[in-house]
């Protein structure tokens, strides 16, 4: 009988330690609450401003080039939960649109001219589910348009 109590106490202790170990990670994750809306306990930093040198921004390390050129595996992973479409405009620019797979109204679009590069910023992969191709928190994902002088948009 006392052997069973010791085993139960050990199991509870191990479960408690595991909870404490992973608790900080859970605070940064995004969850869907009972009303179906998304909430996060930690907001990502604000996007950089037009004119900033892109490589000097806090988001540079979290960005991957998505246009022009072929999508790399890193770019495809960053775009989890999004469809990216491109279409040629009459003025020679290309319209690149990011459409969340489950929220059409949150799409963003960028007009990319010759000499400009479009990057996709994925600040936190913790809210992405690559198995279902869903992104649970869209505010940490956005495009940044850059040219030789810095950030355009």
N, C-alpha and C. Protein backbone atom coordinates (compact mmCIF):
# COMPACT_ATOMS: atom_id res chain seq x y z
N UNK A 1 0.82 -1.20 0.00
CA UNK A 1 0.00 0.00 0.00
C UNK A 1 0.86 1.26 0.00
N UNK A 2 1.88 1.33 0.86
CA UNK A 2 2.74 2.50 0.92
C UNK A 2 3.57 2.62 -0.36
N UNK A 3 3.84 1.50 -1.02
CA UNK A 3 4.57 1.51 -2.29
C UNK A 3 3.74 2.24 -3.35
N UNK A 4 2.42 2.01 -3.39
CA UNK A 4 1.54 2.68 -4.33
C UNK A 4 1.48 4.18 -4.06
N UNK A 5 1.49 4.57 -2.82
CA UNK A 5 1.45 6.00 -2.46
C UNK A 5 2.74 6.68 -2.93
N UNK A 6 3.85 6.03 -2.75
CA UNK A 6 5.14 6.59 -3.18
C UNK A 6 5.15 6.77 -4.70
N UNK A 7 4.64 5.79 -5.42
CA UNK A 7 4.59 5.88 -6.89
C UNK A 7 3.69 7.04 -7.32
N UNK A 8 2.54 7.19 -6.66
CA UNK A 8 1.61 8.28 -7.00
C UNK A 8 2.26 9.63 -6.72
N UNK A 9 2.92 9.75 -5.57
CA UNK A 9 3.59 11.01 -5.23
C UNK A 9 4.68 11.32 -6.25
N UNK A 10 5.45 10.34 -6.66
CA UNK A 10 6.49 10.55 -7.66
C UNK A 10 5.90 10.98 -9.00
N UNK A 11 4.81 10.37 -9.41
CA UNK A 11 4.16 10.75 -10.67
C UNK A 11 3.66 12.19 -10.62
N UNK A 12 3.08 12.57 -9.51
CA UNK A 12 2.59 13.95 -9.36
C UNK A 12 3.77 14.92 -9.40
N UNK A 13 4.87 14.56 -8.72
CA UNK A 13 6.05 15.43 -8.71
C UNK A 13 6.62 15.59 -10.12
N UNK A 14 6.70 14.51 -10.87
CA UNK A 14 7.22 14.58 -12.24
C UNK A 14 6.31 15.43 -13.11
N UNK A 15 5.00 15.25 -12.97
CA UNK A 15 4.04 16.05 -13.75
C UNK A 15 4.18 17.53 -13.38
N UNK A 16 4.34 17.83 -12.11
CA UNK A 16 4.52 19.21 -11.68
C UNK A 16 5.78 19.84 -12.24
N UNK A 17 6.87 19.09 -12.22
CA UNK A 17 8.13 19.60 -12.78
C UNK A 17 8.02 19.83 -14.28
N UNK A 18 7.36 18.92 -14.98
CA UNK A 18 7.17 19.09 -16.42
C UNK A 18 6.34 20.33 -16.71
N UNK A 19 5.30 20.56 -15.91
CA UNK A 19 4.47 21.75 -16.09
C UNK A 19 5.29 23.01 -15.90
N UNK A 20 6.10 23.06 -14.83
CA UNK A 20 6.92 24.23 -14.57
C UNK A 20 7.96 24.46 -15.65
N UNK A 21 8.50 23.39 -16.19
CA UNK A 21 9.51 23.52 -17.24
C UNK A 21 8.92 24.13 -18.50
N UNK A 22 7.71 23.73 -18.87
CA UNK A 22 7.11 24.21 -20.11
C UNK A 22 6.20 25.40 -19.93
N UNK A 23 5.96 25.84 -18.73
CA UNK A 23 5.07 26.96 -18.46
C UNK A 23 5.49 28.24 -19.18
N UNK A 24 6.79 28.65 -19.16
CA UNK A 24 7.17 29.87 -19.87
C UNK A 24 6.86 29.81 -21.36
N UNK A 25 7.02 28.64 -21.99
CA UNK A 25 6.71 28.52 -23.41
C UNK A 25 5.22 28.68 -23.65
N UNK A 26 4.41 28.17 -22.75
CA UNK A 26 2.97 28.26 -22.94
C UNK A 26 2.51 29.72 -22.88
N UNK A 27 3.17 30.57 -22.12
CA UNK A 27 2.77 31.96 -22.02
C UNK A 27 2.92 32.69 -23.35
N UNK A 28 3.86 32.26 -24.18
CA UNK A 28 4.10 32.94 -25.43
C UNK A 28 3.27 32.36 -26.57
N UNK A 29 2.63 31.24 -26.35
CA UNK A 29 1.85 30.63 -27.41
C UNK A 29 0.51 31.33 -27.56
N UNK A 30 -0.09 31.14 -28.69
CA UNK A 30 -1.38 31.72 -28.99
C UNK A 30 -2.43 30.65 -28.83
N UNK A 31 -3.56 31.06 -28.27
CA UNK A 31 -4.64 30.11 -28.08
C UNK A 31 -5.93 30.71 -28.60
N UNK A 32 -6.83 29.83 -28.97
CA UNK A 32 -8.15 30.28 -29.37
C UNK A 32 -9.04 30.16 -28.15
N UNK A 33 -9.68 31.28 -27.77
CA UNK A 33 -10.51 31.23 -26.57
C UNK A 33 -11.90 30.69 -26.89
N UNK A 34 -12.75 30.63 -25.87
CA UNK A 34 -14.07 30.00 -26.03
C UNK A 34 -14.97 30.72 -27.02
N UNK A 35 -14.74 32.00 -27.25
CA UNK A 35 -15.57 32.73 -28.21
C UNK A 35 -15.07 32.56 -29.64
N UNK A 36 -13.97 31.83 -29.81
CA UNK A 36 -13.47 31.58 -31.16
C UNK A 36 -12.50 32.63 -31.65
N UNK A 37 -12.20 33.63 -30.82
CA UNK A 37 -11.23 34.63 -31.23
C UNK A 37 -9.86 34.25 -30.70
N UNK A 38 -8.86 34.79 -31.35
CA UNK A 38 -7.49 34.45 -30.97
C UNK A 38 -6.97 35.45 -29.95
N UNK A 39 -6.13 34.96 -29.04
CA UNK A 39 -5.52 35.85 -28.08
C UNK A 39 -4.08 35.41 -27.85
N UNK A 40 -3.27 36.38 -27.53
CA UNK A 40 -1.86 36.09 -27.26
C UNK A 40 -1.47 36.82 -25.99
N UNK A 41 -0.58 36.22 -25.25
CA UNK A 41 -0.13 36.83 -24.01
C UNK A 41 1.07 37.73 -24.23
N UNK A 42 1.69 37.64 -25.41
CA UNK A 42 2.86 38.46 -25.68
C UNK A 42 2.76 38.99 -27.11
N UNK A 43 2.78 40.29 -27.25
CA UNK A 43 2.65 40.90 -28.57
C UNK A 43 4.01 41.02 -29.23
N UNK A 44 4.08 40.82 -30.55
CA UNK A 44 5.34 40.98 -31.26
C UNK A 44 5.72 42.46 -31.34
N UNK A 45 7.00 42.75 -31.60
CA UNK A 45 7.39 44.15 -31.75
C UNK A 45 6.72 44.78 -32.96
N UNK A 46 6.59 46.07 -32.92
CA UNK A 46 5.96 46.80 -34.03
C UNK A 46 6.82 46.65 -35.28
N UNK A 47 6.18 46.62 -36.45
CA UNK A 47 6.95 46.52 -37.70
C UNK A 47 7.85 47.75 -37.87
N UNK A 48 8.97 47.59 -38.55
CA UNK A 48 9.85 48.74 -38.80
C UNK A 48 9.17 49.77 -39.69
N UNK A 49 9.72 50.96 -39.72
CA UNK A 49 9.12 52.07 -40.47
C UNK A 49 9.80 52.24 -41.84
N UNK A 50 9.05 52.87 -42.73
CA UNK A 50 9.55 53.19 -44.05
C UNK A 50 10.82 54.03 -43.92
N UNK A 51 11.84 53.69 -44.73
CA UNK A 51 13.10 54.41 -44.71
C UNK A 51 14.15 53.77 -43.83
N UNK A 52 13.75 52.92 -42.88
CA UNK A 52 14.72 52.23 -42.03
C UNK A 52 15.59 51.31 -42.89
N UNK A 53 16.85 51.16 -42.49
CA UNK A 53 17.71 50.18 -43.13
C UNK A 53 17.27 48.80 -42.64
N UNK A 54 16.83 47.95 -43.55
CA UNK A 54 16.21 46.68 -43.20
C UNK A 54 17.11 45.81 -42.33
N UNK A 55 18.39 45.73 -42.67
CA UNK A 55 19.30 44.86 -41.93
C UNK A 55 19.53 45.34 -40.49
N UNK A 56 19.16 46.58 -40.17
CA UNK A 56 19.32 47.11 -38.82
C UNK A 56 18.07 46.93 -37.96
N UNK A 57 17.01 46.37 -38.51
CA UNK A 57 15.76 46.24 -37.76
C UNK A 57 15.74 44.95 -36.93
N UNK A 58 14.85 44.94 -35.95
CA UNK A 58 14.71 43.76 -35.09
C UNK A 58 14.07 42.58 -35.80
N UNK A 59 13.42 42.82 -36.92
CA UNK A 59 12.72 41.73 -37.62
C UNK A 59 13.56 41.11 -38.73
N UNK A 60 14.71 41.66 -39.02
CA UNK A 60 15.53 41.18 -40.14
C UNK A 60 15.82 39.68 -40.04
N UNK A 61 16.16 39.22 -38.85
CA UNK A 61 16.51 37.80 -38.67
C UNK A 61 15.31 36.88 -38.83
N UNK A 62 14.11 37.42 -38.73
CA UNK A 62 12.89 36.61 -38.84
C UNK A 62 12.26 36.71 -40.23
N UNK A 63 12.93 37.35 -41.16
CA UNK A 63 12.38 37.58 -42.50
C UNK A 63 12.99 36.65 -43.53
N UNK A 64 12.17 36.26 -44.50
CA UNK A 64 12.65 35.47 -45.63
C UNK A 64 12.15 36.10 -46.92
N UNK A 65 12.99 36.07 -47.93
CA UNK A 65 12.61 36.64 -49.22
C UNK A 65 11.54 35.75 -49.87
N UNK A 66 10.47 36.40 -50.35
CA UNK A 66 9.41 35.65 -51.02
C UNK A 66 9.20 36.11 -52.47
N UNK A 67 9.70 37.31 -52.81
CA UNK A 67 9.56 37.80 -54.19
C UNK A 67 10.60 38.87 -54.44
N UNK A 68 11.27 38.91 -55.59
CA UNK A 68 11.15 37.96 -56.69
C UNK A 68 11.95 36.69 -56.40
N UNK A 69 11.79 35.73 -57.26
CA UNK A 69 12.52 34.48 -57.16
C UNK A 69 11.65 33.34 -56.68
N UNK A 70 12.25 32.16 -56.74
CA UNK A 70 11.55 30.96 -56.29
C UNK A 70 11.51 30.93 -54.77
N UNK A 71 10.46 30.35 -54.22
CA UNK A 71 10.34 30.23 -52.78
C UNK A 71 11.29 29.15 -52.26
N UNK A 72 12.08 29.51 -51.29
CA UNK A 72 12.95 28.53 -50.63
C UNK A 72 12.11 27.73 -49.65
N UNK A 73 12.70 26.68 -49.12
CA UNK A 73 11.98 25.90 -48.10
C UNK A 73 11.70 26.76 -46.87
N UNK A 74 12.64 27.63 -46.51
CA UNK A 74 12.43 28.52 -45.36
C UNK A 74 11.25 29.46 -45.62
N UNK A 75 11.12 29.95 -46.85
CA UNK A 75 10.00 30.82 -47.20
C UNK A 75 8.69 30.06 -47.15
N UNK A 76 8.68 28.84 -47.68
CA UNK A 76 7.45 28.03 -47.63
C UNK A 76 7.05 27.76 -46.18
N UNK A 77 8.02 27.49 -45.33
CA UNK A 77 7.72 27.25 -43.91
C UNK A 77 7.18 28.51 -43.24
N UNK A 78 7.77 29.67 -43.55
CA UNK A 78 7.31 30.93 -42.97
C UNK A 78 5.88 31.24 -43.41
N UNK A 79 5.52 30.83 -44.61
CA UNK A 79 4.18 31.10 -45.15
C UNK A 79 3.12 30.10 -44.69
N UNK A 80 3.45 29.28 -43.70
CA UNK A 80 2.46 28.33 -43.18
C UNK A 80 1.19 29.09 -42.79
N UNK A 81 0.07 28.63 -43.28
CA UNK A 81 -1.21 29.26 -42.99
C UNK A 81 -1.60 30.35 -43.97
N UNK A 82 -0.76 30.61 -44.95
CA UNK A 82 -1.03 31.66 -45.94
C UNK A 82 -0.92 31.11 -47.35
N UNK A 83 -1.75 31.64 -48.24
CA UNK A 83 -1.57 31.46 -49.68
C UNK A 83 -0.93 32.74 -50.18
N UNK A 84 0.02 32.63 -51.08
CA UNK A 84 0.64 33.80 -51.69
C UNK A 84 0.32 33.78 -53.17
N UNK A 85 -0.27 34.87 -53.64
CA UNK A 85 -0.58 34.97 -55.06
C UNK A 85 0.19 36.14 -55.67
N UNK A 86 0.49 36.03 -56.95
CA UNK A 86 1.13 37.12 -57.67
C UNK A 86 0.37 37.37 -58.97
N UNK A 87 0.33 38.64 -59.35
CA UNK A 87 -0.27 38.99 -60.65
C UNK A 87 0.45 40.21 -61.19
N UNK A 88 0.65 40.22 -62.50
CA UNK A 88 1.36 41.32 -63.16
C UNK A 88 0.39 42.48 -63.35
N UNK A 89 0.82 43.69 -63.01
CA UNK A 89 0.04 44.90 -63.22
C UNK A 89 0.38 45.53 -64.56
N UNK A 90 -0.52 46.37 -65.08
CA UNK A 90 -0.29 47.04 -66.37
C UNK A 90 0.95 47.93 -66.36
N UNK A 91 1.32 48.47 -65.20
CA UNK A 91 2.47 49.37 -65.13
C UNK A 91 3.81 48.63 -64.98
N UNK A 92 3.79 47.28 -65.08
CA UNK A 92 5.01 46.49 -64.99
C UNK A 92 5.35 46.02 -63.59
N UNK A 93 4.62 46.49 -62.59
CA UNK A 93 4.85 46.02 -61.23
C UNK A 93 4.13 44.68 -61.04
N UNK A 94 4.40 44.04 -59.94
CA UNK A 94 3.74 42.78 -59.61
C UNK A 94 3.00 42.94 -58.29
N UNK A 95 1.76 42.55 -58.27
CA UNK A 95 0.96 42.56 -57.05
C UNK A 95 1.15 41.23 -56.35
N UNK A 96 1.66 41.26 -55.10
CA UNK A 96 1.85 40.05 -54.30
C UNK A 96 0.89 40.15 -53.12
N UNK A 97 0.08 39.12 -52.96
CA UNK A 97 -0.93 39.13 -51.90
C UNK A 97 -0.75 37.91 -51.00
N UNK A 98 -0.81 38.16 -49.70
CA UNK A 98 -0.78 37.09 -48.69
C UNK A 98 -2.19 36.94 -48.17
N UNK A 99 -2.77 35.74 -48.31
CA UNK A 99 -4.14 35.48 -47.89
C UNK A 99 -4.12 34.38 -46.82
N UNK A 100 -4.50 34.72 -45.58
CA UNK A 100 -4.58 33.67 -44.56
C UNK A 100 -5.58 32.61 -44.99
N UNK A 101 -5.23 31.36 -44.81
CA UNK A 101 -6.07 30.26 -45.28
C UNK A 101 -7.44 30.22 -44.61
N UNK A 102 -7.56 30.78 -43.41
CA UNK A 102 -8.84 30.70 -42.73
C UNK A 102 -9.48 32.06 -42.45
N UNK A 103 -8.88 33.17 -42.93
CA UNK A 103 -9.45 34.49 -42.68
C UNK A 103 -9.20 35.39 -43.88
N UNK A 104 -10.06 35.33 -44.83
CA UNK A 104 -9.91 36.08 -46.07
C UNK A 104 -9.79 37.58 -45.83
N UNK A 105 -10.44 38.10 -44.80
CA UNK A 105 -10.49 39.54 -44.59
C UNK A 105 -9.18 40.11 -44.03
N UNK A 106 -8.24 39.28 -43.65
CA UNK A 106 -6.98 39.76 -43.09
C UNK A 106 -5.85 39.72 -44.12
N UNK A 107 -6.19 39.65 -45.39
CA UNK A 107 -5.14 39.56 -46.39
C UNK A 107 -4.37 40.88 -46.50
N UNK A 108 -3.14 40.79 -46.99
CA UNK A 108 -2.33 41.98 -47.22
C UNK A 108 -1.74 41.88 -48.61
N UNK A 109 -1.52 43.05 -49.23
CA UNK A 109 -1.08 43.07 -50.60
C UNK A 109 0.04 44.11 -50.78
N UNK A 110 1.00 43.79 -51.66
CA UNK A 110 2.15 44.65 -51.88
C UNK A 110 2.38 44.80 -53.37
N UNK A 111 2.64 46.03 -53.81
CA UNK A 111 2.94 46.32 -55.21
C UNK A 111 4.46 46.39 -55.33
N UNK A 112 5.04 45.38 -55.99
CA UNK A 112 6.50 45.25 -56.06
C UNK A 112 6.99 45.73 -57.42
N UNK A 113 7.84 46.75 -57.40
CA UNK A 113 8.40 47.31 -58.63
C UNK A 113 9.77 46.68 -58.90
N UNK A 114 10.29 46.91 -60.10
CA UNK A 114 11.62 46.44 -60.47
C UNK A 114 12.63 47.00 -59.46
N UNK A 115 13.54 46.16 -58.99
CA UNK A 115 14.56 46.59 -58.03
C UNK A 115 14.13 46.49 -56.57
N UNK A 116 12.89 46.09 -56.33
CA UNK A 116 12.41 45.93 -54.96
C UNK A 116 12.34 44.45 -54.62
N UNK A 117 12.44 44.15 -53.34
CA UNK A 117 12.36 42.79 -52.84
C UNK A 117 11.32 42.74 -51.73
N UNK A 118 10.48 41.71 -51.78
CA UNK A 118 9.46 41.53 -50.75
C UNK A 118 9.88 40.39 -49.84
N UNK A 119 9.86 40.68 -48.54
CA UNK A 119 10.18 39.70 -47.52
C UNK A 119 8.92 39.40 -46.72
N UNK A 120 8.85 38.19 -46.19
CA UNK A 120 7.76 37.82 -45.29
C UNK A 120 8.38 37.62 -43.92
N UNK A 121 7.81 38.29 -42.93
CA UNK A 121 8.32 38.22 -41.57
C UNK A 121 7.44 37.27 -40.77
N UNK A 122 8.07 36.30 -40.17
CA UNK A 122 7.41 35.33 -39.29
C UNK A 122 8.09 35.45 -37.93
N UNK A 123 7.51 36.26 -37.04
CA UNK A 123 8.13 36.54 -35.75
C UNK A 123 8.12 35.35 -34.80
N UNK A 124 7.09 34.51 -34.91
CA UNK A 124 6.99 33.39 -33.98
C UNK A 124 6.39 32.19 -34.69
N UNK A 125 7.17 31.13 -34.82
CA UNK A 125 6.65 29.90 -35.43
C UNK A 125 5.80 29.10 -34.45
N UNK A 126 5.79 29.49 -33.18
CA UNK A 126 5.05 28.74 -32.17
C UNK A 126 3.55 28.70 -32.39
N UNK A 127 3.04 29.63 -33.18
CA UNK A 127 1.59 29.66 -33.42
C UNK A 127 1.20 29.00 -34.73
N UNK A 128 2.18 28.43 -35.43
CA UNK A 128 1.92 27.79 -36.72
C UNK A 128 1.77 26.29 -36.55
N UNK A 129 0.82 25.73 -37.29
CA UNK A 129 0.66 24.28 -37.31
C UNK A 129 0.90 23.84 -38.75
N UNK A 130 2.09 23.34 -39.01
CA UNK A 130 2.45 22.96 -40.38
C UNK A 130 1.66 21.74 -40.85
N UNK A 131 1.21 20.88 -39.92
CA UNK A 131 0.42 19.71 -40.31
C UNK A 131 -0.92 20.11 -40.91
N UNK A 132 -1.56 21.14 -40.34
CA UNK A 132 -2.86 21.59 -40.84
C UNK A 132 -2.73 22.83 -41.72
N UNK A 133 -1.50 23.35 -41.85
CA UNK A 133 -1.23 24.55 -42.64
C UNK A 133 -2.06 25.73 -42.14
N UNK A 134 -2.09 25.90 -40.80
CA UNK A 134 -2.83 27.00 -40.19
C UNK A 134 -1.91 27.83 -39.32
N UNK A 135 -2.17 29.11 -39.31
CA UNK A 135 -1.46 30.05 -38.46
C UNK A 135 -2.51 30.60 -37.49
N UNK A 136 -2.26 30.43 -36.20
CA UNK A 136 -3.27 30.78 -35.20
C UNK A 136 -3.23 32.25 -34.79
N UNK A 137 -2.17 32.98 -35.11
CA UNK A 137 -2.06 34.37 -34.71
C UNK A 137 -1.43 35.14 -35.86
N UNK A 138 -2.22 35.91 -36.57
CA UNK A 138 -1.78 36.53 -37.81
C UNK A 138 -0.99 37.82 -37.61
N UNK A 139 -1.03 38.41 -36.44
CA UNK A 139 -0.38 39.71 -36.24
C UNK A 139 1.14 39.64 -36.24
N UNK A 140 1.69 38.46 -36.14
CA UNK A 140 3.15 38.36 -36.14
C UNK A 140 3.69 37.99 -37.52
N UNK A 141 2.85 38.04 -38.54
CA UNK A 141 3.22 37.69 -39.91
C UNK A 141 2.85 38.85 -40.84
N UNK A 142 3.85 39.34 -41.57
CA UNK A 142 3.56 40.44 -42.49
C UNK A 142 4.68 40.56 -43.51
N UNK A 143 4.40 41.31 -44.55
CA UNK A 143 5.40 41.55 -45.58
C UNK A 143 6.14 42.84 -45.34
N UNK A 144 7.36 42.89 -45.84
CA UNK A 144 8.16 44.13 -45.81
C UNK A 144 8.78 44.29 -47.19
N UNK A 145 8.49 45.41 -47.80
CA UNK A 145 8.99 45.73 -49.14
C UNK A 145 10.24 46.60 -49.00
N UNK A 146 11.32 46.16 -49.65
CA UNK A 146 12.62 46.82 -49.48
C UNK A 146 13.21 47.16 -50.85
N UNK A 147 13.88 48.28 -50.93
CA UNK A 147 14.69 48.59 -52.11
C UNK A 147 16.09 48.97 -51.66
N UNK A 148 16.91 49.47 -52.55
CA UNK A 148 18.31 49.77 -52.22
C UNK A 148 18.45 50.84 -51.13
N UNK A 149 17.44 51.66 -50.95
CA UNK A 149 17.49 52.75 -49.96
C UNK A 149 16.91 52.37 -48.61
N UNK A 150 16.31 51.19 -48.49
CA UNK A 150 15.74 50.77 -47.22
C UNK A 150 14.31 50.28 -47.38
N UNK A 151 13.59 50.32 -46.29
CA UNK A 151 12.21 49.81 -46.29
C UNK A 151 11.29 50.78 -47.02
N UNK A 152 10.52 50.25 -47.95
CA UNK A 152 9.55 51.04 -48.71
C UNK A 152 8.19 50.97 -48.01
N UNK A 153 7.79 49.77 -47.63
CA UNK A 153 6.47 49.55 -47.02
C UNK A 153 6.54 48.39 -46.06
